[in-house]
Amino acid sequence: MKTVCLHPVYFGDVAHFAALKQATDITWEVNDNYQKQTLRNRMYIYGANGRLMLNIPIKHGKGIRQKSEAVLLENNFEWQTNHWRSICAAYRSSPYFEYYEDDFYPLFHTEHERLIDWNLACMNLVMKLLKWEIRFSKTLGYAPELSDDILDIRPLAASKKHTFTFETYTQVFQDKPHIGNLCILDLLFNLGPDANPYLDRQYASVNTILYRP
Protein backbone atom coordinates (compact mmCIF):
# COMPACT_ATOMS: atom_id res chain seq x y z
CA MET A 1 0.00 0.00 0.00
CA LYS A 2 1.14 3.52 -0.72
CA THR A 3 1.99 6.12 1.87
CA VAL A 4 -0.99 8.22 2.90
CA CYS A 5 -0.66 11.96 3.52
CA LEU A 6 -3.25 13.80 5.57
CA HIS A 7 -3.87 16.68 7.95
CA PRO A 8 -4.06 15.80 11.63
CA VAL A 9 -7.77 16.36 12.30
CA TYR A 10 -10.07 16.10 15.32
CA PHE A 11 -10.37 12.28 15.39
CA GLY A 12 -11.34 12.19 11.70
CA ASP A 13 -14.44 10.78 10.03
CA VAL A 14 -15.09 7.34 8.58
CA ALA A 15 -13.67 8.38 5.20
CA HIS A 16 -10.33 9.25 6.82
CA PHE A 17 -10.02 5.89 8.53
CA ALA A 18 -11.27 3.91 5.55
CA ALA A 19 -8.38 5.40 3.55
CA LEU A 20 -5.90 4.89 6.38
CA LYS A 21 -6.91 1.27 6.97
CA GLN A 22 -4.79 0.01 4.07
CA ALA A 23 -1.76 2.21 4.79
CA THR A 24 1.60 1.05 6.05
CA ASP A 25 3.00 4.59 6.29
CA ILE A 26 1.40 7.91 7.24
CA THR A 27 2.84 11.33 6.54
CA TRP A 28 1.22 14.04 8.63
CA GLU A 29 0.84 17.39 6.86
CA VAL A 30 2.10 19.93 9.39
CA ASN A 31 3.36 22.71 7.12
CA ASP A 32 0.13 23.93 5.53
CA ASN A 33 -1.63 27.18 6.32
CA TYR A 34 -4.41 26.69 8.84
CA GLN A 35 -7.92 26.81 7.39
CA LYS A 36 -11.03 27.59 9.41
CA GLN A 37 -14.27 25.61 9.34
CA THR A 38 -12.66 22.25 8.62
CA LEU A 39 -12.20 18.97 10.46
CA ARG A 40 -8.96 20.34 11.85
CA ASN A 41 -10.92 21.69 14.81
CA ARG A 42 -14.37 20.11 14.54
CA MET A 43 -16.02 16.73 14.43
CA TYR A 44 -19.57 15.46 14.00
CA ILE A 45 -21.33 12.95 16.23
CA TYR A 46 -24.89 11.60 16.36
CA GLY A 47 -26.69 13.60 19.02
CA ALA A 48 -30.28 13.33 20.23
CA ASN A 49 -31.34 15.87 17.60
CA GLY A 50 -29.26 14.49 14.75
CA ARG A 51 -25.85 15.49 13.43
CA LEU A 52 -24.07 17.46 16.15
CA MET A 53 -20.89 19.47 15.59
CA LEU A 54 -18.30 19.72 18.34
CA ASN A 55 -16.00 22.67 17.69
CA ILE A 56 -12.63 23.31 19.34
CA PRO A 57 -11.93 26.99 20.14
CA ILE A 58 -8.54 28.22 18.97
CA LYS A 59 -6.49 31.35 19.44
CA HIS A 60 -6.59 33.27 16.16
CA GLY A 61 -3.60 35.16 14.84
CA LYS A 62 -3.62 38.92 14.60
CA GLY A 63 -4.63 39.23 10.96
CA ILE A 64 -1.92 36.86 9.76
CA ARG A 65 -2.09 33.36 8.34
CA GLN A 66 -0.99 30.72 10.79
CA LYS A 67 0.80 27.51 10.05
CA SER A 68 -1.26 24.56 11.26
CA GLU A 69 1.50 23.42 13.59
CA ALA A 70 1.49 26.84 15.30
CA VAL A 71 -2.24 27.07 16.07
CA LEU A 72 -2.90 27.26 19.81
CA LEU A 73 -5.92 25.97 21.69
CA GLU A 74 -8.11 28.39 23.61
CA ASN A 75 -8.10 26.55 26.92
CA ASN A 76 -9.82 29.33 28.86
CA PHE A 77 -13.02 27.64 27.71
CA GLU A 78 -13.89 24.23 29.19
CA TRP A 79 -14.28 22.75 25.72
CA GLN A 80 -12.78 19.36 26.61
CA THR A 81 -15.20 18.90 29.49
CA ASN A 82 -18.14 20.00 27.34
CA HIS A 83 -17.16 17.76 24.43
CA TRP A 84 -16.74 14.76 26.71
CA ARG A 85 -20.18 15.37 28.21
CA SER A 86 -21.69 15.53 24.72
CA ILE A 87 -19.95 12.29 23.71
CA CYS A 88 -21.17 10.55 26.88
CA ALA A 89 -24.72 11.78 26.34
CA ALA A 90 -24.69 10.61 22.72
CA TYR A 91 -23.04 7.21 23.16
CA ARG A 92 -23.54 6.05 26.75
CA SER A 93 -26.09 3.50 25.53
CA SER A 94 -24.04 2.30 22.56
CA PRO A 95 -22.73 -1.30 22.68
CA TYR A 96 -19.04 -0.47 23.10
CA PHE A 97 -18.94 2.86 24.92
CA GLU A 98 -18.14 1.34 28.30
CA TYR A 99 -15.54 -0.90 26.69
CA TYR A 100 -13.57 2.13 25.44
CA GLU A 101 -14.57 4.74 28.03
CA ASP A 102 -11.46 4.34 30.17
CA ASP A 103 -9.26 4.86 27.12
CA PHE A 104 -10.88 8.14 26.10
CA TYR A 105 -11.51 9.66 29.53
CA PRO A 106 -7.82 10.58 30.22
CA LEU A 107 -7.50 12.16 26.77
CA PHE A 108 -10.34 14.59 27.46
CA HIS A 109 -8.86 15.43 30.84
CA THR A 110 -5.32 16.18 29.66
CA GLU A 111 -4.65 19.72 28.49
CA HIS A 112 -2.68 20.40 25.31
CA GLU A 113 -1.27 23.70 24.12
CA ARG A 114 -1.31 23.20 20.35
CA LEU A 115 -4.20 21.99 18.21
CA ILE A 116 -1.94 19.75 16.16
CA ASP A 117 -0.70 17.89 19.25
CA TRP A 118 -4.27 17.33 20.41
CA ASN A 119 -5.34 16.04 16.99
CA LEU A 120 -2.39 13.67 16.77
CA ALA A 121 -3.20 12.35 20.24
CA CYS A 122 -6.81 11.72 19.17
CA MET A 123 -6.00 9.94 15.92
CA ASN A 124 -3.13 7.92 17.38
CA LEU A 125 -5.37 6.70 20.21
CA VAL A 126 -8.02 5.47 17.77
CA MET A 127 -5.43 3.64 15.67
CA LYS A 128 -4.04 2.06 18.83
CA LEU A 129 -7.52 0.86 19.84
CA LEU A 130 -8.04 -0.53 16.34
CA LYS A 131 -4.68 -2.33 16.76
CA TRP A 132 -3.11 -0.83 13.66
CA GLU A 133 0.64 -0.90 13.14
CA ILE A 134 1.56 2.06 10.94
CA ARG A 135 4.80 4.01 10.58
CA PHE A 136 4.57 7.78 11.00
CA SER A 137 6.47 10.79 9.69
CA LYS A 138 5.82 14.51 9.21
CA THR A 139 6.18 16.72 6.18
CA LEU A 140 9.32 18.86 6.02
CA GLY A 141 7.66 21.52 3.86
CA TYR A 142 4.39 22.15 2.08
CA ALA A 143 3.82 20.75 -1.42
CA PRO A 144 0.45 21.36 -3.13
CA GLU A 145 0.96 18.30 -5.36
CA LEU A 146 2.36 14.99 -4.19
CA SER A 147 4.04 12.18 -6.11
CA ASP A 148 1.91 9.39 -7.57
CA ASP A 149 3.10 6.89 -4.98
CA ILE A 150 1.38 8.85 -2.19
CA LEU A 151 -2.36 8.77 -1.55
CA ASP A 152 -3.25 12.40 -0.84
CA ILE A 153 -6.26 12.54 1.46
CA ARG A 154 -5.60 16.07 2.69
CA PRO A 155 -8.77 17.29 0.91
CA LEU A 156 -10.84 15.20 3.33
CA ALA A 157 -10.18 17.77 6.05
CA ALA A 158 -12.55 20.13 4.24
CA SER A 159 -15.35 17.66 5.15
CA LYS A 160 -17.78 18.92 2.49
CA LYS A 161 -15.54 18.50 -0.54
CA HIS A 162 -16.52 14.86 -1.18
CA THR A 163 -19.67 12.83 -0.72
CA PHE A 164 -19.31 9.12 0.01
CA THR A 165 -21.83 6.32 -0.04
CA PHE A 166 -20.91 4.00 2.79
CA GLU A 167 -22.68 0.94 4.19
CA THR A 168 -25.15 1.67 6.94
CA TYR A 169 -24.58 0.17 10.38
CA THR A 170 -26.59 0.09 13.59
CA GLN A 171 -26.40 3.43 15.40
CA VAL A 172 -27.70 4.47 18.82
CA PHE A 173 -30.86 6.09 17.47
CA GLN A 174 -32.21 3.15 15.48
CA ASP A 175 -35.62 4.80 15.10
CA LYS A 176 -34.04 7.74 13.26
CA PRO A 177 -32.39 7.95 9.82
CA HIS A 178 -28.86 6.64 9.50
CA ILE A 179 -26.21 9.39 9.33
CA GLY A 180 -23.14 8.40 7.35
CA ASN A 181 -19.49 9.45 7.57
CA LEU A 182 -19.63 10.77 11.11
CA CYS A 183 -16.62 10.96 13.39
CA ILE A 184 -14.80 7.64 13.82
CA LEU A 185 -16.06 7.55 17.41
CA ASP A 186 -19.58 6.82 16.15
CA LEU A 187 -18.29 3.75 14.33
CA LEU A 188 -16.07 2.61 17.18
CA PHE A 189 -18.70 2.91 19.92
CA ASN A 190 -21.34 1.16 17.80
CA LEU A 191 -19.29 -1.59 16.16
CA GLY A 192 -16.27 -2.07 18.41
CA PRO A 193 -13.81 -4.59 16.88
CA ASP A 194 -16.10 -4.97 13.86
CA ALA A 195 -15.06 -1.45 12.87
CA ASN A 196 -12.00 -2.95 11.17
CA PRO A 197 -13.78 -5.17 8.64
CA TYR A 198 -16.30 -2.39 8.07
CA LEU A 199 -13.51 0.04 7.18
CA ASP A 200 -11.94 -2.55 4.87
CA ARG A 201 -15.18 -2.73 2.92
CA GLN A 202 -15.44 1.06 2.56
CA TYR A 203 -11.92 1.55 1.18
CA ALA A 204 -12.98 1.10 -2.44
CA SER A 205 -15.44 4.00 -2.15
CA VAL A 206 -12.75 6.34 -0.83
CA ASN A 207 -10.08 5.10 -3.22
CA THR A 208 -12.27 5.60 -6.30
CA ILE A 209 -12.74 9.29 -5.49
CA LEU A 210 -9.36 10.25 -4.08
CA TYR A 211 -6.72 8.11 -5.77
CA ARG A 212 -5.19 9.39 -8.97
CA PRO A 213 -3.15 6.61 -10.66
C-alpha atoms as a PDB file:
ATOM      1  CA  MET A   1       0.000   0.000   0.000  1.00  0.00           C
ATOM      2  CA  LYS A   2       1.136   3.518  -0.723  1.00  0.00           C
ATOM      3  CA  THR A   3       1.985   6.118   1.866  1.00  0.00           C
ATOM      4  CA  VAL A   4      -0.994   8.225   2.900  1.00  0.00           C
ATOM      5  CA  CYS A   5      -0.655  11.965   3.515  1.00  0.00           C
ATOM      6  CA  LEU A   6      -3.254  13.797   5.575  1.00  0.00           C
ATOM      7  CA  HIS A   7      -3.872  16.675   7.954  1.00  0.00           C
ATOM      8  CA  PRO A   8      -4.061  15.803  11.633  1.00  0.00           C
ATOM      9  CA  VAL A   9      -7.775  16.356  12.301  1.00  0.00           C
ATOM     10  CA  TYR A  10     -10.069  16.100  15.321  1.00  0.00           C
ATOM     11  CA  PHE A  11     -10.373  12.284  15.391  1.00  0.00           C
ATOM     12  CA  GLY A  12     -11.343  12.187  11.701  1.00  0.00           C
ATOM     13  CA  ASP A  13     -14.445  10.777  10.032  1.00  0.00           C
ATOM     14  CA  VAL A  14     -15.093   7.342   8.583  1.00  0.00           C
ATOM     15  CA  ALA A  15     -13.666   8.383   5.203  1.00  0.00           C
ATOM     16  CA  HIS A  16     -10.326   9.250   6.819  1.00  0.00           C
ATOM     17  CA  PHE A  17     -10.019   5.892   8.532  1.00  0.00           C
ATOM     18  CA  ALA A  18     -11.266   3.908   5.546  1.00  0.00           C
ATOM     19  CA  ALA A  19      -8.382   5.398   3.555  1.00  0.00           C
ATOM     20  CA  LEU A  20      -5.896   4.885   6.383  1.00  0.00           C
ATOM     21  CA  LYS A  21      -6.909   1.265   6.966  1.00  0.00           C
ATOM     22  CA  GLN A  22      -4.790   0.005   4.069  1.00  0.00           C
ATOM     23  CA  ALA A  23      -1.763   2.205   4.785  1.00  0.00           C
ATOM     24  CA  THR A  24       1.600   1.050   6.052  1.00  0.00           C
ATOM     25  CA  ASP A  25       3.003   4.590   6.291  1.00  0.00           C
ATOM     26  CA  ILE A  26       1.400   7.907   7.236  1.00  0.00           C
ATOM     27  CA  THR A  27       2.836  11.331   6.540  1.00  0.00           C
ATOM     28  CA  TRP A  28       1.217  14.043   8.632  1.00  0.00           C
ATOM     29  CA  GLU A  29       0.842  17.389   6.861  1.00  0.00           C
ATOM     30  CA  VAL A  30       2.105  19.926   9.393  1.00  0.00           C
ATOM     31  CA  ASN A  31       3.360  22.709   7.121  1.00  0.00           C
ATOM     32  CA  ASP A  32       0.131  23.927   5.530  1.00  0.00           C
ATOM     33  CA  ASN A  33      -1.630  27.184   6.322  1.00  0.00           C
ATOM     34  CA  TYR A  34      -4.409  26.686   8.845  1.00  0.00           C
ATOM     35  CA  GLN A  35      -7.924  26.812   7.391  1.00  0.00           C
ATOM     36  CA  LYS A  36     -11.029  27.586   9.411  1.00  0.00           C
ATOM     37  CA  GLN A  37     -14.269  25.609   9.344  1.00  0.00           C
ATOM     38  CA  THR A  38     -12.656  22.252   8.617  1.00  0.00           C
ATOM     39  CA  LEU A  39     -12.199  18.972  10.458  1.00  0.00           C
ATOM     40  CA  ARG A  40      -8.962  20.339  11.851  1.00  0.00           C
ATOM     41  CA  ASN A  41     -10.920  21.695  14.811  1.00  0.00           C
ATOM     42  CA  ARG A  42     -14.369  20.108  14.537  1.00  0.00           C
ATOM     43  CA  MET A  43     -16.023  16.729  14.433  1.00  0.00           C
ATOM     44  CA  TYR A  44     -19.572  15.462  14.004  1.00  0.00           C
ATOM     45  CA  ILE A  45     -21.331  12.953  16.226  1.00  0.00           C
ATOM     46  CA  TYR A  46     -24.893  11.600  16.356  1.00  0.00           C
ATOM     47  CA  GLY A  47     -26.694  13.599  19.020  1.00  0.00           C
ATOM     48  CA  ALA A  48     -30.283  13.328  20.226  1.00  0.00           C
ATOM     49  CA  ASN A  49     -31.340  15.868  17.597  1.00  0.00           C
ATOM     50  CA  GLY A  50     -29.262  14.488  14.750  1.00  0.00           C
ATOM     51  CA  ARG A  51     -25.847  15.489  13.426  1.00  0.00           C
ATOM     52  CA  LEU A  52     -24.067  17.461  16.149  1.00  0.00           C
ATOM     53  CA  MET A  53     -20.891  19.475  15.594  1.00  0.00           C
ATOM     54  CA  LEU A  54     -18.301  19.715  18.338  1.00  0.00           C
ATOM     55  CA  ASN A  55     -15.998  22.665  17.689  1.00  0.00           C
ATOM     56  CA  ILE A  56     -12.626  23.309  19.337  1.00  0.00           C
ATOM     57  CA  PRO A  57     -11.931  26.991  20.142  1.00  0.00           C
ATOM     58  CA  ILE A  58      -8.542  28.216  18.974  1.00  0.00           C
ATOM     59  CA  LYS A  59      -6.487  31.353  19.439  1.00  0.00           C
ATOM     60  CA  HIS A  60      -6.590  33.267  16.164  1.00  0.00           C
ATOM     61  CA  GLY A  61      -3.602  35.161  14.837  1.00  0.00           C
ATOM     62  CA  LYS A  62      -3.619  38.925  14.603  1.00  0.00           C
ATOM     63  CA  GLY A  63      -4.629  39.230  10.965  1.00  0.00           C
ATOM     64  CA  ILE A  64      -1.923  36.855   9.765  1.00  0.00           C
ATOM     65  CA  ARG A  65      -2.090  33.355   8.335  1.00  0.00           C
ATOM     66  CA  GLN A  66      -0.990  30.724  10.786  1.00  0.00           C
ATOM     67  CA  LYS A  67       0.795  27.506  10.048  1.00  0.00           C
ATOM     68  CA  SER A  68      -1.255  24.558  11.261  1.00  0.00           C
ATOM     69  CA  GLU A  69       1.498  23.422  13.591  1.00  0.00           C
ATOM     70  CA  ALA A  70       1.490  26.842  15.299  1.00  0.00           C
ATOM     71  CA  VAL A  71      -2.236  27.066  16.070  1.00  0.00           C
ATOM     72  CA  LEU A  72      -2.901  27.259  19.807  1.00  0.00           C
ATOM     73  CA  LEU A  73      -5.924  25.969  21.691  1.00  0.00           C
ATOM     74  CA  GLU A  74      -8.112  28.391  23.609  1.00  0.00           C
ATOM     75  CA  ASN A  75      -8.101  26.555  26.919  1.00  0.00           C
ATOM     76  CA  ASN A  76      -9.818  29.327  28.857  1.00  0.00           C
ATOM     77  CA  PHE A  77     -13.020  27.637  27.714  1.00  0.00           C
ATOM     78  CA  GLU A  78     -13.892  24.234  29.186  1.00  0.00           C
ATOM     79  CA  TRP A  79     -14.283  22.751  25.723  1.00  0.00           C
ATOM     80  CA  GLN A  80     -12.775  19.357  26.608  1.00  0.00           C
ATOM     81  CA  THR A  81     -15.203  18.900  29.488  1.00  0.00           C
ATOM     82  CA  ASN A  82     -18.137  19.999  27.339  1.00  0.00           C
ATOM     83  CA  HIS A  83     -17.158  17.759  24.433  1.00  0.00           C
ATOM     84  CA  TRP A  84     -16.742  14.758  26.705  1.00  0.00           C
ATOM     85  CA  ARG A  85     -20.176  15.370  28.208  1.00  0.00           C
ATOM     86  CA  SER A  86     -21.687  15.527  24.719  1.00  0.00           C
ATOM     87  CA  ILE A  87     -19.951  12.295  23.713  1.00  0.00           C
ATOM     88  CA  CYS A  88     -21.165  10.547  26.876  1.00  0.00           C
ATOM     89  CA  ALA A  89     -24.723  11.784  26.337  1.00  0.00           C
ATOM     90  CA  ALA A  90     -24.693  10.609  22.725  1.00  0.00           C
ATOM     91  CA  TYR A  91     -23.035   7.213  23.159  1.00  0.00           C
ATOM     92  CA  ARG A  92     -23.538   6.050  26.754  1.00  0.00           C
ATOM     93  CA  SER A  93     -26.094   3.501  25.534  1.00  0.00           C
ATOM     94  CA  SER A  94     -24.040   2.297  22.558  1.00  0.00           C
ATOM     95  CA  PRO A  95     -22.734  -1.304  22.685  1.00  0.00           C
ATOM     96  CA  TYR A  96     -19.042  -0.469  23.100  1.00  0.00           C
ATOM     97  CA  PHE A  97     -18.942   2.864  24.919  1.00  0.00           C
ATOM     98  CA  GLU A  98     -18.141   1.340  28.304  1.00  0.00           C
ATOM     99  CA  TYR A  99     -15.537  -0.902  26.694  1.00  0.00           C
ATOM    100  CA  TYR A 100     -13.574   2.134  25.440  1.00  0.00           C
ATOM    101  CA  GLU A 101     -14.565   4.743  28.032  1.00  0.00           C
ATOM    102  CA  ASP A 102     -11.459   4.336  30.173  1.00  0.00           C
ATOM    103  CA  ASP A 103      -9.262   4.864  27.117  1.00  0.00           C
ATOM    104  CA  PHE A 104     -10.879   8.145  26.098  1.00  0.00           C
ATOM    105  CA  TYR A 105     -11.506   9.659  29.531  1.00  0.00           C
ATOM    106  CA  PRO A 106      -7.822  10.577  30.220  1.00  0.00           C
ATOM    107  CA  LEU A 107      -7.502  12.156  26.769  1.00  0.00           C
ATOM    108  CA  PHE A 108     -10.336  14.588  27.459  1.00  0.00           C
ATOM    109  CA  HIS A 109      -8.860  15.434  30.842  1.00  0.00           C
ATOM    110  CA  THR A 110      -5.321  16.182  29.657  1.00  0.00           C
ATOM    111  CA  GLU A 111      -4.646  19.721  28.490  1.00  0.00           C
ATOM    112  CA  HIS A 112      -2.684  20.399  25.308  1.00  0.00           C
ATOM    113  CA  GLU A 113      -1.265  23.695  24.116  1.00  0.00           C
ATOM    114  CA  ARG A 114      -1.313  23.195  20.347  1.00  0.00           C
ATOM    115  CA  LEU A 115      -4.197  21.991  18.214  1.00  0.00           C
ATOM    116  CA  ILE A 116      -1.941  19.748  16.162  1.00  0.00           C
ATOM    117  CA  ASP A 117      -0.702  17.888  19.252  1.00  0.00           C
ATOM    118  CA  TRP A 118      -4.270  17.325  20.412  1.00  0.00           C
ATOM    119  CA  ASN A 119      -5.337  16.041  16.989  1.00  0.00           C
ATOM    120  CA  LEU A 120      -2.395  13.668  16.771  1.00  0.00           C
ATOM    121  CA  ALA A 121      -3.197  12.345  20.244  1.00  0.00           C
ATOM    122  CA  CYS A 122      -6.808  11.724  19.170  1.00  0.00           C
ATOM    123  CA  MET A 123      -5.997   9.941  15.924  1.00  0.00           C
ATOM    124  CA  ASN A 124      -3.129   7.916  17.379  1.00  0.00           C
ATOM    125  CA  LEU A 125      -5.373   6.699  20.213  1.00  0.00           C
ATOM    126  CA  VAL A 126      -8.023   5.471  17.769  1.00  0.00           C
ATOM    127  CA  MET A 127      -5.433   3.637  15.666  1.00  0.00           C
ATOM    128  CA  LYS A 128      -4.040   2.056  18.830  1.00  0.00           C
ATOM    129  CA  LEU A 129      -7.522   0.857  19.843  1.00  0.00           C
ATOM    130  CA  LEU A 130      -8.037  -0.532  16.340  1.00  0.00           C
ATOM    131  CA  LYS A 131      -4.677  -2.328  16.758  1.00  0.00           C
ATOM    132  CA  TRP A 132      -3.105  -0.828  13.656  1.00  0.00           C
ATOM    133  CA  GLU A 133       0.640  -0.900  13.139  1.00  0.00           C
ATOM    134  CA  ILE A 134       1.563   2.058  10.936  1.00  0.00           C
ATOM    135  CA  ARG A 135       4.796   4.008  10.576  1.00  0.00           C
ATOM    136  CA  PHE A 136       4.569   7.783  10.995  1.00  0.00           C
ATOM    137  CA  SER A 137       6.474  10.794   9.686  1.00  0.00           C
ATOM    138  CA  LYS A 138       5.822  14.513   9.212  1.00  0.00           C
ATOM    139  CA  THR A 139       6.179  16.724   6.177  1.00  0.00           C
ATOM    140  CA  LEU A 140       9.323  18.857   6.017  1.00  0.00           C
ATOM    141  CA  GLY A 141       7.657  21.518   3.861  1.00  0.00           C
ATOM    142  CA  TYR A 142       4.394  22.153   2.079  1.00  0.00           C
ATOM    143  CA  ALA A 143       3.825  20.749  -1.415  1.00  0.00           C
ATOM    144  CA  PRO A 144       0.454  21.364  -3.132  1.00  0.00           C
ATOM    145  CA  GLU A 145       0.961  18.299  -5.361  1.00  0.00           C
ATOM    146  CA  LEU A 146       2.358  14.991  -4.186  1.00  0.00           C
ATOM    147  CA  SER A 147       4.039  12.183  -6.110  1.00  0.00           C
ATOM    148  CA  ASP A 148       1.908   9.395  -7.572  1.00  0.00           C
ATOM    149  CA  ASP A 149       3.100   6.889  -4.976  1.00  0.00           C
ATOM    150  CA  ILE A 150       1.384   8.849  -2.190  1.00  0.00           C
ATOM    151  CA  LEU A 151      -2.360   8.767  -1.546  1.00  0.00           C
ATOM    152  CA  ASP A 152      -3.246  12.396  -0.840  1.00  0.00           C
ATOM    153  CA  ILE A 153      -6.263  12.537   1.463  1.00  0.00           C
ATOM    154  CA  ARG A 154      -5.596  16.070   2.693  1.00  0.00           C
ATOM    155  CA  PRO A 155      -8.770  17.294   0.913  1.00  0.00           C
ATOM    156  CA  LEU A 156     -10.839  15.203   3.326  1.00  0.00           C
ATOM    157  CA  ALA A 157     -10.178  17.766   6.052  1.00  0.00           C
ATOM    158  CA  ALA A 158     -12.550  20.126   4.245  1.00  0.00           C
ATOM    159  CA  SER A 159     -15.354  17.664   5.151  1.00  0.00           C
ATOM    160  CA  LYS A 160     -17.778  18.923   2.488  1.00  0.00           C
ATOM    161  CA  LYS A 161     -15.544  18.497  -0.540  1.00  0.00           C
ATOM    162  CA  HIS A 162     -16.518  14.865  -1.177  1.00  0.00           C
ATOM    163  CA  THR A 163     -19.673  12.826  -0.722  1.00  0.00           C
ATOM    164  CA  PHE A 164     -19.305   9.122   0.013  1.00  0.00           C
ATOM    165  CA  THR A 165     -21.833   6.321  -0.035  1.00  0.00           C
ATOM    166  CA  PHE A 166     -20.912   4.003   2.794  1.00  0.00           C
ATOM    167  CA  GLU A 167     -22.678   0.935   4.187  1.00  0.00           C
ATOM    168  CA  THR A 168     -25.151   1.666   6.944  1.00  0.00           C
ATOM    169  CA  TYR A 169     -24.584   0.167  10.385  1.00  0.00           C
ATOM    170  CA  THR A 170     -26.591   0.094  13.594  1.00  0.00           C
ATOM    171  CA  GLN A 171     -26.405   3.429  15.400  1.00  0.00           C
ATOM    172  CA  VAL A 172     -27.702   4.466  18.817  1.00  0.00           C
ATOM    173  CA  PHE A 173     -30.860   6.088  17.472  1.00  0.00           C
ATOM    174  CA  GLN A 174     -32.212   3.147  15.483  1.00  0.00           C
ATOM    175  CA  ASP A 175     -35.619   4.805  15.101  1.00  0.00           C
ATOM    176  CA  LYS A 176     -34.040   7.743  13.264  1.00  0.00           C
ATOM    177  CA  PRO A 177     -32.394   7.951   9.816  1.00  0.00           C
ATOM    178  CA  HIS A 178     -28.865   6.641   9.498  1.00  0.00           C
ATOM    179  CA  ILE A 179     -26.210   9.393   9.330  1.00  0.00           C
ATOM    180  CA  GLY A 180     -23.138   8.397   7.350  1.00  0.00           C
ATOM    181  CA  ASN A 181     -19.491   9.445   7.571  1.00  0.00           C
ATOM    182  CA  LEU A 182     -19.635  10.770  11.112  1.00  0.00           C
ATOM    183  CA  CYS A 183     -16.624  10.958  13.394  1.00  0.00           C
ATOM    184  CA  ILE A 184     -14.804   7.644  13.822  1.00  0.00           C
ATOM    185  CA  LEU A 185     -16.065   7.554  17.414  1.00  0.00           C
ATOM    186  CA  ASP A 186     -19.575   6.820  16.149  1.00  0.00           C
ATOM    187  CA  LEU A 187     -18.291   3.752  14.329  1.00  0.00           C
ATOM    188  CA  LEU A 188     -16.074   2.609  17.182  1.00  0.00           C
ATOM    189  CA  PHE A 189     -18.704   2.907  19.916  1.00  0.00           C
ATOM    190  CA  ASN A 190     -21.344   1.165  17.800  1.00  0.00           C
ATOM    191  CA  LEU A 191     -19.288  -1.588  16.156  1.00  0.00           C
ATOM    192  CA  GLY A 192     -16.275  -2.073  18.407  1.00  0.00           C
ATOM    193  CA  PRO A 193     -13.808  -4.594  16.880  1.00  0.00           C
ATOM    194  CA  ASP A 194     -16.101  -4.971  13.859  1.00  0.00           C
ATOM    195  CA  ALA A 195     -15.058  -1.446  12.867  1.00  0.00           C
ATOM    196  CA  ASN A 196     -11.996  -2.945  11.172  1.00  0.00           C
ATOM    197  CA  PRO A 197     -13.777  -5.174   8.636  1.00  0.00           C
ATOM    198  CA  TYR A 198     -16.300  -2.389   8.072  1.00  0.00           C
ATOM    199  CA  LEU A 199     -13.506   0.043   7.177  1.00  0.00           C
ATOM    200  CA  ASP A 200     -11.939  -2.550   4.870  1.00  0.00           C
ATOM    201  CA  ARG A 201     -15.178  -2.726   2.917  1.00  0.00           C
ATOM    202  CA  GLN A 202     -15.439   1.065   2.561  1.00  0.00           C
ATOM    203  CA  TYR A 203     -11.923   1.545   1.179  1.00  0.00           C
ATOM    204  CA  ALA A 204     -12.977   1.098  -2.439  1.00  0.00           C
ATOM    205  CA  SER A 205     -15.436   4.000  -2.152  1.00  0.00           C
ATOM    206  CA  VAL A 206     -12.755   6.339  -0.831  1.00  0.00           C
ATOM    207  CA  ASN A 207     -10.081   5.100  -3.216  1.00  0.00           C
ATOM    208  CA  THR A 208     -12.265   5.598  -6.303  1.00  0.00           C
ATOM    209  CA  ILE A 209     -12.741   9.287  -5.494  1.00  0.00           C
ATOM    210  CA  LEU A 210      -9.358  10.252  -4.082  1.00  0.00           C
ATOM    211  CA  TYR A 211      -6.723   8.106  -5.774  1.00  0.00           C
ATOM    212  CA  ARG A 212      -5.188   9.388  -8.971  1.00  0.00           C
ATOM    213  CA  PRO A 213      -3.152   6.611 -10.662  1.00  0.00           C
END
